Amino acid sequence: MPAAGLAAPAGTPRLPSKRRVPVSQPGMADPHQFFDDTSSAPSRGYGAQPSSGGLGYPSPSSPPEAAFLADPMSNMAMAYGSSLAAQGKELVDKNIDRFIPVTKLKYYFAVDTVYVGKKLGLLVFPYLHQDWEVQYQQDTPVAPRFDINAPDLYIPAMAFITYILVAGLALGTQDRFSPDLLGLQASSALAWLTLEVVAILLSLYLVTVNTDLTTIDLVAFLGYKYVGMIGGVLMGLLFGKIGYYLVLGWCCVSIFVFMIRTLRLKILAQAAAEGVPVRGARNQLRMYLTMAVAAAQPLLMYWLTFHLVR
């Protein structure tokens, strides 16, 4: 190889010169590259996770919820909110019990299948029933499921709903169904029931009757008439007016007897306990009141159902 700086002798072939490409050292960028290659660099792209504890970013192992719960102020706020919620629930429960006796309503819905079957039989055929006294346990009436004579709200409520459905069926078979007419049927039935309760309470006040008959008891006793109304309308749909009048007439007599034998123990028995003479004027008024309440049931049964059968 010729020495540096000396020309090669003539006739000697020249070797092609090789251009050295600078080798990039680790961690150094290519001198001929305009931009850095960030495609393979970890934690450089948009989807990369932030480093643990770097520049205020939370660590992946500690989510924001955990950081919030670890804050003492947040714990105090949660405890204060829980106490406020508990106080609000207690206040609502007290106000509900003041205006709506939820505990008493539970008593009127304490029924079972056996009680419902026996009570429906008593409403349809009350003539052979002998003992009409309500049973008590330590000055508290027993639940309806243990005493067939106790009033309940389950049968009146279900009977009222069924009556509205049967009324809609009857109107539909006559091509007279409309939501407005069905709503009018339901509202009129509720209005008559409310009017009955108010009239009886006012009459009891005027006659000065001291009785344990409550407003809920009245609603229960007055709601039993819907059972006979359902039977009359259904028989009218199946057998015409003859079936309607036969079944409704039977149910009207049955509810009259049922109301007489039930209310006389609530109104007249209290008068006997007070020592009021049987033939006294005040006791006569109580007897007339009992008869009037019982007689109003068949009239309302007919008034609320006669237009449903044609």
C-alpha atoms as a PDB file:
ATOM      1  CA  MET A   1       0.000   0.000   0.000  1.00  0.00           C
ATOM      2  CA  PRO A   2       1.547   3.333  -0.966  1.00  0.00           C
ATOM      3  CA  ALA A   3       2.491   5.711   1.656  1.00  0.00           C
ATOM      4  CA  ALA A   4       0.317   8.618   2.489  1.00  0.00           C
ATOM      5  CA  GLY A   5       0.865  11.685   0.376  1.00  0.00           C
ATOM      6  CA  LEU A   6       2.734   9.714  -2.422  1.00  0.00           C
ATOM      7  CA  ALA A   7       1.157   9.234  -5.829  1.00  0.00           C
ATOM      8  CA  ALA A   8       0.563   5.763  -7.033  1.00  0.00           C
ATOM      9  CA  PRO A   9       2.895   4.530  -9.739  1.00  0.00           C
ATOM     10  CA  ALA A  10       1.641   4.519 -13.254  1.00  0.00           C
ATOM     11  CA  GLY A  11      -0.125   1.412 -14.417  1.00  0.00           C
ATOM     12  CA  THR A  12      -1.331   0.577 -10.962  1.00  0.00           C
ATOM     13  CA  PRO A  13      -5.185   0.208 -10.861  1.00  0.00           C
ATOM     14  CA  ARG A  14      -7.035   2.534  -8.453  1.00  0.00           C
ATOM     15  CA  LEU A  15      -9.153   0.950  -5.873  1.00  0.00           C
ATOM     16  CA  PRO A  16     -12.652   2.436  -5.374  1.00  0.00           C
ATOM     17  CA  SER A  17     -12.741   4.561  -2.288  1.00  0.00           C
ATOM     18  CA  LYS A  18     -15.184   3.563   0.444  1.00  0.00           C
ATOM     19  CA  ARG A  19     -17.109   6.355   2.190  1.00  0.00           C
ATOM     20  CA  ARG A  20     -17.337   5.775   5.886  1.00  0.00           C
ATOM     21  CA  VAL A  21     -20.832   5.990   7.319  1.00  0.00           C
ATOM     22  CA  PRO A  22     -20.733   7.295  10.828  1.00  0.00           C
ATOM     23  CA  VAL A  23     -22.080   4.775  13.267  1.00  0.00           C
ATOM     24  CA  SER A  24     -24.568   6.263  15.665  1.00  0.00           C
ATOM     25  CA  GLN A  25     -23.746   5.623  19.194  1.00  0.00           C
ATOM     26  CA  PRO A  26     -26.438   4.484  21.591  1.00  0.00           C
ATOM     27  CA  GLY A  27     -28.444   7.422  22.762  1.00  0.00           C
ATOM     28  CA  MET A  28     -27.303   9.636  19.883  1.00  0.00           C
ATOM     29  CA  ALA A  29     -29.477  10.689  16.948  1.00  0.00           C
ATOM     30  CA  ASP A  30     -28.607  10.073  13.345  1.00  0.00           C
ATOM     31  CA  PRO A  31     -26.885  13.202  12.006  1.00  0.00           C
ATOM     32  CA  HIS A  32     -28.691  12.791   8.639  1.00  0.00           C
ATOM     33  CA  GLN A  33     -32.138  12.440  10.303  1.00  0.00           C
ATOM     34  CA  PHE A  34     -34.248  15.575  10.525  1.00  0.00           C
ATOM     35  CA  PHE A  35     -36.604  14.393  13.278  1.00  0.00           C
ATOM     36  CA  ASP A  36     -36.269  11.987  16.178  1.00  0.00           C
ATOM     37  CA  ASP A  37     -37.925   8.587  15.793  1.00  0.00           C
ATOM     38  CA  THR A  38     -40.414   8.350  18.622  1.00  0.00           C
ATOM     39  CA  SER A  39     -42.360   5.349  17.344  1.00  0.00           C
ATOM     40  CA  SER A  40     -40.496   2.847  19.476  1.00  0.00           C
ATOM     41  CA  ALA A  41     -39.920   5.011  22.511  1.00  0.00           C
ATOM     42  CA  PRO A  42     -41.960   3.952  25.513  1.00  0.00           C
ATOM     43  CA  SER A  43     -44.253   6.406  27.288  1.00  0.00           C
ATOM     44  CA  ARG A  44     -43.966   8.956  24.451  1.00  0.00           C
ATOM     45  CA  GLY A  45     -47.287   8.564  22.619  1.00  0.00           C
ATOM     46  CA  TYR A  46     -50.778   9.723  23.472  1.00  0.00           C
ATOM     47  CA  GLY A  47     -51.890   6.340  24.769  1.00  0.00           C
ATOM     48  CA  ALA A  48     -48.949   5.941  27.100  1.00  0.00           C
ATOM     49  CA  GLN A  49     -49.608   5.787  30.795  1.00  0.00           C
ATOM     50  CA  PRO A  50     -48.157   8.546  32.926  1.00  0.00           C
ATOM     51  CA  SER A  51     -45.258   7.612  35.086  1.00  0.00           C
ATOM     52  CA  SER A  52     -45.911   6.803  38.684  1.00  0.00           C
ATOM     53  CA  GLY A  53     -45.762   9.936  40.742  1.00  0.00           C
ATOM     54  CA  GLY A  54     -44.494  12.066  37.911  1.00  0.00           C
ATOM     55  CA  LEU A  55     -45.448  15.748  37.741  1.00  0.00           C
ATOM     56  CA  GLY A  56     -48.561  15.378  39.886  1.00  0.00           C
ATOM     57  CA  TYR A  57     -50.125  12.571  37.861  1.00  0.00           C
ATOM     58  CA  PRO A  58     -51.740   9.923  40.114  1.00  0.00           C
ATOM     59  CA  SER A  59     -50.237   6.518  40.190  1.00  0.00           C
ATOM     60  CA  PRO A  60     -52.103   3.796  38.267  1.00  0.00           C
ATOM     61  CA  SER A  61     -52.391   1.797  41.481  1.00  0.00           C
ATOM     62  CA  SER A  62     -54.291   4.622  43.226  1.00  0.00           C
ATOM     63  CA  PRO A  63     -57.464   5.643  41.307  1.00  0.00           C
ATOM     64  CA  PRO A  64     -59.158   9.026  41.916  1.00  0.00           C
ATOM     65  CA  GLU A  65     -61.815   7.374  44.119  1.00  0.00           C
ATOM     66  CA  ALA A  66     -59.189   6.047  46.484  1.00  0.00           C
ATOM     67  CA  ALA A  67     -57.499   9.425  46.614  1.00  0.00           C
ATOM     68  CA  PHE A  68     -60.842  11.078  47.364  1.00  0.00           C
ATOM     69  CA  LEU A  69     -61.685   8.626  50.136  1.00  0.00           C
ATOM     70  CA  ALA A  70     -58.238   9.044  51.643  1.00  0.00           C
ATOM     71  CA  ASP A  71     -58.891  12.747  52.093  1.00  0.00           C
ATOM     72  CA  PRO A  72     -59.952  13.514  55.729  1.00  0.00           C
ATOM     73  CA  MET A  73     -62.257  16.313  54.596  1.00  0.00           C
ATOM     74  CA  SER A  74     -64.122  13.979  52.254  1.00  0.00           C
ATOM     75  CA  ASN A  75     -64.580  11.469  55.075  1.00  0.00           C
ATOM     76  CA  MET A  76     -66.040  14.182  57.285  1.00  0.00           C
ATOM     77  CA  ALA A  77     -68.372  15.284  54.478  1.00  0.00           C
ATOM     78  CA  MET A  78     -69.584  11.733  53.928  1.00  0.00           C
ATOM     79  CA  ALA A  79     -70.217  11.227  57.647  1.00  0.00           C
ATOM     80  CA  TYR A  80     -72.124  14.510  57.833  1.00  0.00           C
ATOM     81  CA  GLY A  81     -74.196  13.588  54.790  1.00  0.00           C
ATOM     82  CA  SER A  82     -75.062  10.194  56.271  1.00  0.00           C
ATOM     83  CA  SER A  83     -76.219  11.793  59.513  1.00  0.00           C
ATOM     84  CA  LEU A  84     -78.382  14.267  57.594  1.00  0.00           C
ATOM     85  CA  ALA A  85     -79.939  11.430  55.581  1.00  0.00           C
ATOM     86  CA  ALA A  86     -80.726   9.480  58.755  1.00  0.00           C
ATOM     87  CA  GLN A  87     -82.324  12.524  60.377  1.00  0.00           C
ATOM     88  CA  GLY A  88     -84.372  13.217  57.263  1.00  0.00           C
ATOM     89  CA  LYS A  89     -85.617   9.625  57.099  1.00  0.00           C
ATOM     90  CA  GLU A  90     -86.652   9.759  60.752  1.00  0.00           C
ATOM     91  CA  LEU A  91     -88.495  13.042  60.200  1.00  0.00           C
ATOM     92  CA  VAL A  92     -90.330  11.680  57.158  1.00  0.00           C
ATOM     93  CA  ASP A  93     -91.353   8.534  59.051  1.00  0.00           C
ATOM     94  CA  LYS A  94     -92.774  10.609  61.903  1.00  0.00           C
ATOM     95  CA  ASN A  95     -94.766  12.847  59.564  1.00  0.00           C
ATOM     96  CA  ILE A  96     -96.085   9.892  57.573  1.00  0.00           C
ATOM     97  CA  ASP A  97     -97.262   8.171  60.744  1.00  0.00           C
ATOM     98  CA  ARG A  98     -98.955  11.403  61.805  1.00  0.00           C
ATOM     99  CA  PHE A  99    -101.030  11.840  58.653  1.00  0.00           C
ATOM    100  CA  ILE A 100    -101.092   8.276  57.250  1.00  0.00           C
ATOM    101  CA  PRO A 101    -101.216   5.560  59.924  1.00  0.00           C
ATOM    102  CA  VAL A 102     -98.949   3.080  58.151  1.00  0.00           C
ATOM    103  CA  THR A 103     -98.810   0.779  61.181  1.00  0.00           C
ATOM    104  CA  LYS A 104    -102.603   0.608  61.335  1.00  0.00           C
ATOM    105  CA  LEU A 105    -102.855   0.000  57.601  1.00  0.00           C
ATOM    106  CA  LYS A 106    -100.586  -3.029  57.951  1.00  0.00           C
ATOM    107  CA  TYR A 107    -103.169  -4.544  60.294  1.00  0.00           C
ATOM    108  CA  TYR A 108    -105.934  -4.260  57.690  1.00  0.00           C
ATOM    109  CA  PHE A 109    -103.844  -6.031  55.059  1.00  0.00           C
ATOM    110  CA  ALA A 110    -102.756  -8.913  57.316  1.00  0.00           C
ATOM    111  CA  VAL A 111    -104.794 -11.533  55.429  1.00  0.00           C
ATOM    112  CA  ASP A 112    -104.198 -14.899  53.832  1.00  0.00           C
ATOM    113  CA  THR A 113    -105.903 -17.083  51.255  1.00  0.00           C
ATOM    114  CA  VAL A 114    -108.042 -18.924  53.803  1.00  0.00           C
ATOM    115  CA  TYR A 115    -109.369 -15.687  55.271  1.00  0.00           C
ATOM    116  CA  VAL A 116    -110.195 -14.232  51.844  1.00  0.00           C
ATOM    117  CA  GLY A 117    -112.116 -17.346  50.850  1.00  0.00           C
ATOM    118  CA  LYS A 118    -114.099 -17.445  54.091  1.00  0.00           C
ATOM    119  CA  LYS A 119    -114.830 -13.713  54.028  1.00  0.00           C
ATOM    120  CA  LEU A 120    -116.125 -13.839  50.464  1.00  0.00           C
ATOM    121  CA  GLY A 121    -118.392 -16.713  51.450  1.00  0.00           C
ATOM    122  CA  LEU A 122    -119.631 -14.695  54.423  1.00  0.00           C
ATOM    123  CA  LEU A 123    -120.398 -11.700  52.210  1.00  0.00           C
ATOM    124  CA  VAL A 124    -122.396 -13.813  49.763  1.00  0.00           C
ATOM    125  CA  PHE A 125    -124.154 -16.017  52.333  1.00  0.00           C
ATOM    126  CA  PRO A 126    -124.210 -14.430  55.828  1.00  0.00           C
ATOM    127  CA  TYR A 127    -127.426 -16.054  57.011  1.00  0.00           C
ATOM    128  CA  LEU A 128    -125.995 -19.032  58.893  1.00  0.00           C
ATOM    129  CA  HIS A 129    -123.133 -17.218  60.607  1.00  0.00           C
ATOM    130  CA  GLN A 130    -123.718 -17.005  64.367  1.00  0.00           C
ATOM    131  CA  ASP A 131    -120.741 -15.419  66.111  1.00  0.00           C
ATOM    132  CA  TRP A 132    -120.187 -11.853  64.866  1.00  0.00           C
ATOM    133  CA  GLU A 133    -118.001 -10.669  67.732  1.00  0.00           C
ATOM    134  CA  VAL A 134    -114.520  -9.415  66.907  1.00  0.00           C
ATOM    135  CA  GLN A 135    -111.835 -11.242  68.874  1.00  0.00           C
ATOM    136  CA  TYR A 136    -109.421  -9.264  71.031  1.00  0.00           C
ATOM    137  CA  GLN A 137    -106.058 -10.049  72.536  1.00  0.00           C
ATOM    138  CA  GLN A 138    -105.022  -7.739  75.384  1.00  0.00           C
ATOM    139  CA  ASP A 139    -107.395  -4.956  74.283  1.00  0.00           C
ATOM    140  CA  THR A 140    -106.114  -5.223  70.712  1.00  0.00           C
ATOM    141  CA  PRO A 141    -108.122  -6.832  67.907  1.00  0.00           C
ATOM    142  CA  VAL A 142    -106.432  -9.839  66.372  1.00  0.00           C
ATOM    143  CA  ALA A 143    -105.278  -9.771  62.769  1.00  0.00           C
ATOM    144  CA  PRO A 144    -107.942 -10.431  60.120  1.00  0.00           C
ATOM    145  CA  ARG A 145    -106.330 -13.708  59.090  1.00  0.00           C
ATOM    146  CA  PHE A 146    -107.151 -15.059  62.554  1.00  0.00           C
ATOM    147  CA  ASP A 147    -110.695 -13.640  62.780  1.00  0.00           C
ATOM    148  CA  ILE A 148    -113.229 -13.712  59.980  1.00  0.00           C
ATOM    149  CA  ASN A 149    -115.249 -10.930  61.641  1.00  0.00           C
ATOM    150  CA  ALA A 150    -112.381  -8.442  61.587  1.00  0.00           C
ATOM    151  CA  PRO A 151    -112.540  -5.766  58.886  1.00  0.00           C
ATOM    152  CA  ASP A 152    -109.836  -5.680  56.237  1.00  0.00           C
ATOM    153  CA  LEU A 153    -108.868  -3.452  53.336  1.00  0.00           C
ATOM    154  CA  TYR A 154    -107.506  -6.114  51.012  1.00  0.00           C
ATOM    155  CA  ILE A 155    -110.883  -7.340  49.767  1.00  0.00           C
ATOM    156  CA  PRO A 156    -112.370  -3.822  49.299  1.00  0.00           C
ATOM    157  CA  ALA A 157    -109.267  -2.594  47.448  1.00  0.00           C
ATOM    158  CA  MET A 158    -109.069  -5.589  45.133  1.00  0.00           C
ATOM    159  CA  ALA A 159    -112.845  -5.541  44.620  1.00  0.00           C
ATOM    160  CA  PHE A 160    -112.781  -1.867  43.661  1.00  0.00           C
ATOM    161  CA  ILE A 161    -110.018  -2.426  41.089  1.00  0.00           C
ATOM    162  CA  THR A 162    -111.820  -5.476  39.711  1.00  0.00           C
ATOM    163  CA  TYR A 163    -115.062  -3.510  39.509  1.00  0.00           C
ATOM    164  CA  ILE A 164    -113.378  -0.853  37.351  1.00  0.00           C
ATOM    165  CA  LEU A 165    -111.924  -3.541  35.066  1.00  0.00           C
ATOM    166  CA  VAL A 166    -115.282  -5.302  34.741  1.00  0.00           C
ATOM    167  CA  ALA A 167    -116.947  -1.971  34.008  1.00  0.00           C
ATOM    168  CA  GLY A 168    -114.437  -1.389  31.212  1.00  0.00           C
ATOM    169  CA  LEU A 169    -115.167  -4.862  29.853  1.00  0.00           C
ATOM    170  CA  ALA A 170    -118.900  -4.198  29.902  1.00  0.00           C
ATOM    171  CA  LEU A 171    -118.474  -0.861  28.135  1.00  0.00           C
ATOM    172  CA  GLY A 172    -116.210  -2.481  25.554  1.00  0.00           C
ATOM    173  CA  THR A 173    -118.743  -5.186  24.696  1.00  0.00           C
ATOM    174  CA  GLN A 174    -121.291  -2.437  24.053  1.00  0.00           C
ATOM    175  CA  ASP A 175    -118.878  -0.365  21.896  1.00  0.00           C
ATOM    176  CA  ARG A 176    -119.039   2.455  24.437  1.00  0.00           C
ATOM    177  CA  PHE A 177    -115.562   2.179  25.910  1.00  0.00           C
ATOM    178  CA  SER A 178    -113.425   5.279  26.281  1.00  0.00           C
ATOM    179  CA  PRO A 179    -110.754   6.239  28.825  1.00  0.00           C
ATOM    180  CA  ASP A 180    -112.775   9.271  29.862  1.00  0.00           C
ATOM    181  CA  LEU A 181    -115.870   7.201  30.533  1.00  0.00           C
ATOM    182  CA  LEU A 182    -113.870   4.625  32.523  1.00  0.00           C
ATOM    183  CA  GLY A 183    -112.268   7.397  34.559  1.00  0.00           C
ATOM    184  CA  LEU A 184    -115.691   8.871  35.223  1.00  0.00           C
ATOM    185  CA  GLN A 185    -116.861   5.477  36.451  1.00  0.00           C
ATOM    186  CA  ALA A 186    -113.949   5.186  38.887  1.00  0.00           C
ATOM    187  CA  SER A 187    -114.184   8.753  40.142  1.00  0.00           C
ATOM    188  CA  SER A 188    -117.933   8.501  40.721  1.00  0.00           C
ATOM    189  CA  ALA A 189    -117.488   5.307  42.755  1.00  0.00           C
ATOM    190  CA  LEU A 190    -114.791   6.979  44.877  1.00  0.00           C
ATOM    191  CA  ALA A 191    -116.935  10.080  45.309  1.00  0.00           C
ATOM    192  CA  TRP A 192    -119.898   8.055  46.570  1.00  0.00           C
ATOM    193  CA  LEU A 193    -117.650   6.154  48.970  1.00  0.00           C
ATOM    194  CA  THR A 194    -116.213   9.393  50.343  1.00  0.00           C
ATOM    195  CA  LEU A 195    -119.689  10.874  50.707  1.00  0.00           C
ATOM    196  CA  GLU A 196    -120.832   7.805  52.609  1.00  0.00           C
ATOM    197  CA  VAL A 197    -117.927   7.972  55.054  1.00  0.00           C
ATOM    198  CA  VAL A 198    -118.405  11.690  55.721  1.00  0.00           C
ATOM    199  CA  ALA A 199    -122.174  11.301  56.189  1.00  0.00           C
ATOM    200  CA  ILE A 200    -121.760   8.413  58.652  1.00  0.00           C
ATOM    201  CA  LEU A 201    -119.104  10.220  60.680  1.00  0.00           C
ATOM    202  CA  LEU A 202    -121.280  13.318  60.856  1.00  0.00           C
ATOM    203  CA  SER A 203    -124.293  11.249  61.891  1.00  0.00           C
ATOM    204  CA  LEU A 204    -122.317   9.492  64.616  1.00  0.00           C
ATOM    205  CA  TYR A 205    -121.212  12.882  65.914  1.00  0.00           C
ATOM    206  CA  LEU A 206    -124.745  14.272  65.932  1.00  0.00           C
ATOM    207  CA  VAL A 207    -126.171  11.207  67.653  1.00  0.00           C
ATOM    208  CA  THR A 208    -123.272  11.310  70.163  1.00  0.00           C
ATOM    209  CA  VAL A 209    -122.229   7.714  69.671  1.00  0.00           C
ATOM    210  CA  ASN A 210    -119.066   6.711  71.491  1.00  0.00           C
ATOM    211  CA  THR A 211    -117.835   3.785  69.448  1.00  0.00           C
ATOM    212  CA  ASP A 212    -114.538   2.190  68.486  1.00  0.00           C
ATOM    213  CA  LEU A 213    -115.595   2.306  64.836  1.00  0.00           C
ATOM    214  CA  THR A 214    -112.776   4.129  63.038  1.00  0.00           C
ATOM    215  CA  THR A 215    -112.727   5.774  59.635  1.00  0.00           C
ATOM    216  CA  ILE A 216    -110.705   2.901  58.204  1.00  0.00           C
ATOM    217  CA  ASP A 217    -113.283   0.453  59.560  1.00  0.00           C
ATOM    218  CA  LEU A 218    -116.003   2.364  57.731  1.00  0.00           C
ATOM    219  CA  VAL A 219    -114.043   2.305  54.479  1.00  0.00           C
ATOM    220  CA  ALA A 220    -113.591  -1.453  54.862  1.00  0.00           C
ATOM    221  CA  PHE A 221    -117.251  -2.191  55.602  1.00  0.00           C
ATOM    222  CA  LEU A 222    -118.538   0.114  52.863  1.00  0.00           C
ATOM    223  CA  GLY A 223    -116.079  -1.350  50.349  1.00  0.00           C
ATOM    224  CA  TYR A 224    -117.475  -4.869  50.681  1.00  0.00           C
ATOM    225  CA  LYS A 225    -120.389  -3.974  48.411  1.00  0.00           C
ATOM    226  CA  TYR A 226    -118.094  -4.012  45.365  1.00  0.00           C
ATOM    227  CA  VAL A 227    -117.996  -7.817  45.611  1.00  0.00           C
ATOM    228  CA  GLY A 228    -121.722  -8.071  44.885  1.00  0.00           C
ATOM    229  CA  MET A 229    -121.476  -5.434  42.172  1.00  0.00           C
ATOM    230  CA  ILE A 230    -118.838  -7.478  40.347  1.00  0.00           C
ATOM    231  CA  GLY A 231    -121.001 -10.590  40.494  1.00  0.00           C
ATOM    232  CA  GLY A 232    -124.055  -8.759  39.186  1.00  0.00           C
ATOM    233  CA  VAL A 233    -122.242  -7.175  36.209  1.00  0.00           C
ATOM    234  CA  LEU A 234    -120.538 -10.455  35.241  1.00  0.00           C
ATOM    235  CA  MET A 235    -123.813 -12.355  35.319  1.00  0.00           C
ATOM    236  CA  GLY A 236    -125.380  -9.572  33.284  1.00  0.00           C
ATOM    237  CA  LEU A 237    -122.698  -9.958  30.622  1.00  0.00           C
ATOM    238  CA  LEU A 238    -123.209 -13.714  30.489  1.00  0.00           C
ATOM    239  CA  PHE A 239    -126.980 -14.089  30.877  1.00  0.00           C
ATOM    240  CA  GLY A 240    -128.395 -10.660  30.214  1.00  0.00           C
ATOM    241  CA  LYS A 241    -130.564  -8.567  32.474  1.00  0.00           C
ATOM    242  CA  ILE A 242    -132.225 -11.580  34.075  1.00  0.00           C
ATOM    243  CA  GLY A 243    -128.932 -12.861  35.407  1.00  0.00           C
ATOM    244  CA  TYR A 244    -127.967  -9.369  36.465  1.00  0.00           C
ATOM    245  CA  TYR A 245    -131.080  -8.748  38.531  1.00  0.00           C
ATOM    246  CA  LEU A 246    -131.056 -12.208  40.120  1.00  0.00           C
ATOM    247  CA  VAL A 247    -127.440 -12.107  41.257  1.00  0.00           C
ATOM    248  CA  LEU A 248    -127.458  -8.441  42.199  1.00  0.00           C
ATOM    249  CA  GLY A 249    -130.679  -8.873  44.170  1.00  0.00           C
ATOM    250  CA  TRP A 250    -129.191 -11.759  46.130  1.00  0.00           C
ATOM    251  CA  CYS A 251    -126.012  -9.820  46.838  1.00  0.00           C
ATOM    252  CA  CYS A 252    -127.997  -6.747  47.900  1.00  0.00           C
ATOM    253  CA  VAL A 253    -129.929  -8.732  50.503  1.00  0.00           C
ATOM    254  CA  SER A 254    -126.726 -10.408  51.681  1.00  0.00           C
ATOM    255  CA  ILE A 255    -124.850  -7.129  52.145  1.00  0.00           C
ATOM    256  CA  PHE A 256    -127.852  -5.659  53.969  1.00  0.00           C
ATOM    257  CA  VAL A 257    -127.854  -8.531  56.468  1.00  0.00           C
ATOM    258  CA  PHE A 258    -124.080  -8.400  56.793  1.00  0.00           C
ATOM    259  CA  MET A 259    -124.046  -4.665  57.549  1.00  0.00           C
ATOM    260  CA  ILE A 260    -126.898  -4.918  60.079  1.00  0.00           C
ATOM    261  CA  ARG A 261    -125.247  -7.712  62.046  1.00  0.00           C
ATOM    262  CA  THR A 262    -121.833  -6.062  61.913  1.00  0.00           C
ATOM    263  CA  LEU A 263    -122.696  -2.458  62.695  1.00  0.00           C
ATOM    264  CA  ARG A 264    -125.138  -3.229  65.480  1.00  0.00           C
ATOM    265  CA  LEU A 265    -122.261  -4.640  67.486  1.00  0.00           C
ATOM    266  CA  LYS A 266    -120.257  -1.477  66.865  1.00  0.00           C
ATOM    267  CA  ILE A 267    -123.052   1.034  67.563  1.00  0.00           C
ATOM    268  CA  LEU A 268    -125.801  -0.579  69.607  1.00  0.00           C
ATOM    269  CA  ALA A 269    -123.559  -2.717  71.789  1.00  0.00           C
ATOM    270  CA  GLN A 270    -121.709   0.390  72.925  1.00  0.00           C
ATOM    271  CA  ALA A 271    -125.010   1.970  73.885  1.00  0.00           C
ATOM    272  CA  ALA A 272    -125.907  -1.079  75.983  1.00  0.00           C
ATOM    273  CA  ALA A 273    -122.520  -0.899  77.684  1.00  0.00           C
ATOM    274  CA  GLU A 274    -123.204   2.746  78.547  1.00  0.00           C
ATOM    275  CA  GLY A 275    -126.508   1.791  80.165  1.00  0.00           C
ATOM    276  CA  VAL A 276    -128.724   3.497  77.596  1.00  0.00           C
ATOM    277  CA  PRO A 277    -132.288   2.082  77.680  1.00  0.00           C
ATOM    278  CA  VAL A 278    -133.117  -0.118  74.704  1.00  0.00           C
ATOM    279  CA  ARG A 279    -136.293   1.846  73.942  1.00  0.00           C
ATOM    280  CA  GLY A 280    -134.773   5.235  74.664  1.00  0.00           C
ATOM    281  CA  ALA A 281    -134.877   8.019  72.103  1.00  0.00           C
ATOM    282  CA  ARG A 282    -131.124   8.095  71.662  1.00  0.00           C
ATOM    283  CA  ASN A 283    -130.944   4.350  71.159  1.00  0.00           C
ATOM    284  CA  GLN A 284    -133.731   4.557  68.598  1.00  0.00           C
ATOM    285  CA  LEU A 285    -131.672   7.063  66.632  1.00  0.00           C
ATOM    286  CA  ARG A 286    -128.738   4.670  66.684  1.00  0.00           C
ATOM    287  CA  MET A 287    -130.936   1.883  65.376  1.00  0.00           C
ATOM    288  CA  TYR A 288    -132.207   4.114  62.573  1.00  0.00           C
ATOM    289  CA  LEU A 289    -128.654   5.084  61.715  1.00  0.00           C
ATOM    290  CA  THR A 290    -127.619   1.437  61.479  1.00  0.00           C
ATOM    291  CA  MET A 291    -130.592   0.637  59.272  1.00  0.00           C
ATOM    292  CA  ALA A 292    -129.903   3.645  57.035  1.00  0.00           C
ATOM    293  CA  VAL A 293    -126.268   2.676  56.470  1.00  0.00           C
ATOM    294  CA  ALA A 294    -127.246  -0.907  55.656  1.00  0.00           C
ATOM    295  CA  ALA A 295    -130.074   0.181  53.326  1.00  0.00           C
ATOM    296  CA  ALA A 296    -127.832   2.571  51.413  1.00  0.00           C
ATOM    297  CA  GLN A 297    -125.583  -0.271  50.232  1.00  0.00           C
ATOM    298  CA  PRO A 298    -128.114  -1.994  47.889  1.00  0.00           C
ATOM    299  CA  LEU A 299    -129.163   1.377  46.460  1.00  0.00           C
ATOM    300  CA  LEU A 300    -125.590   2.310  45.589  1.00  0.00           C
ATOM    301  CA  MET A 301    -124.903  -1.158  44.202  1.00  0.00           C
ATOM    302  CA  TYR A 302    -127.741  -0.727  41.742  1.00  0.00           C
ATOM    303  CA  TRP A 303    -126.934   2.908  40.942  1.00  0.00           C
ATOM    304  CA  LEU A 304    -123.315   2.142  40.050  1.00  0.00           C
ATOM    305  CA  THR A 305    -124.046  -0.901  37.868  1.00  0.00           C
ATOM    306  CA  PHE A 306    -127.445  -0.631  36.142  1.00  0.00           C
ATOM    307  CA  HIS A 307    -126.053   1.328  33.169  1.00  0.00           C
ATOM    308  CA  LEU A 308    -123.382  -1.310  32.530  1.00  0.00           C
ATOM    309  CA  VAL A 309    -125.843  -4.033  31.536  1.00  0.00           C
ATOM    310  CA  ARG A 310    -128.094  -3.731  28.468  1.00  0.00           C
END
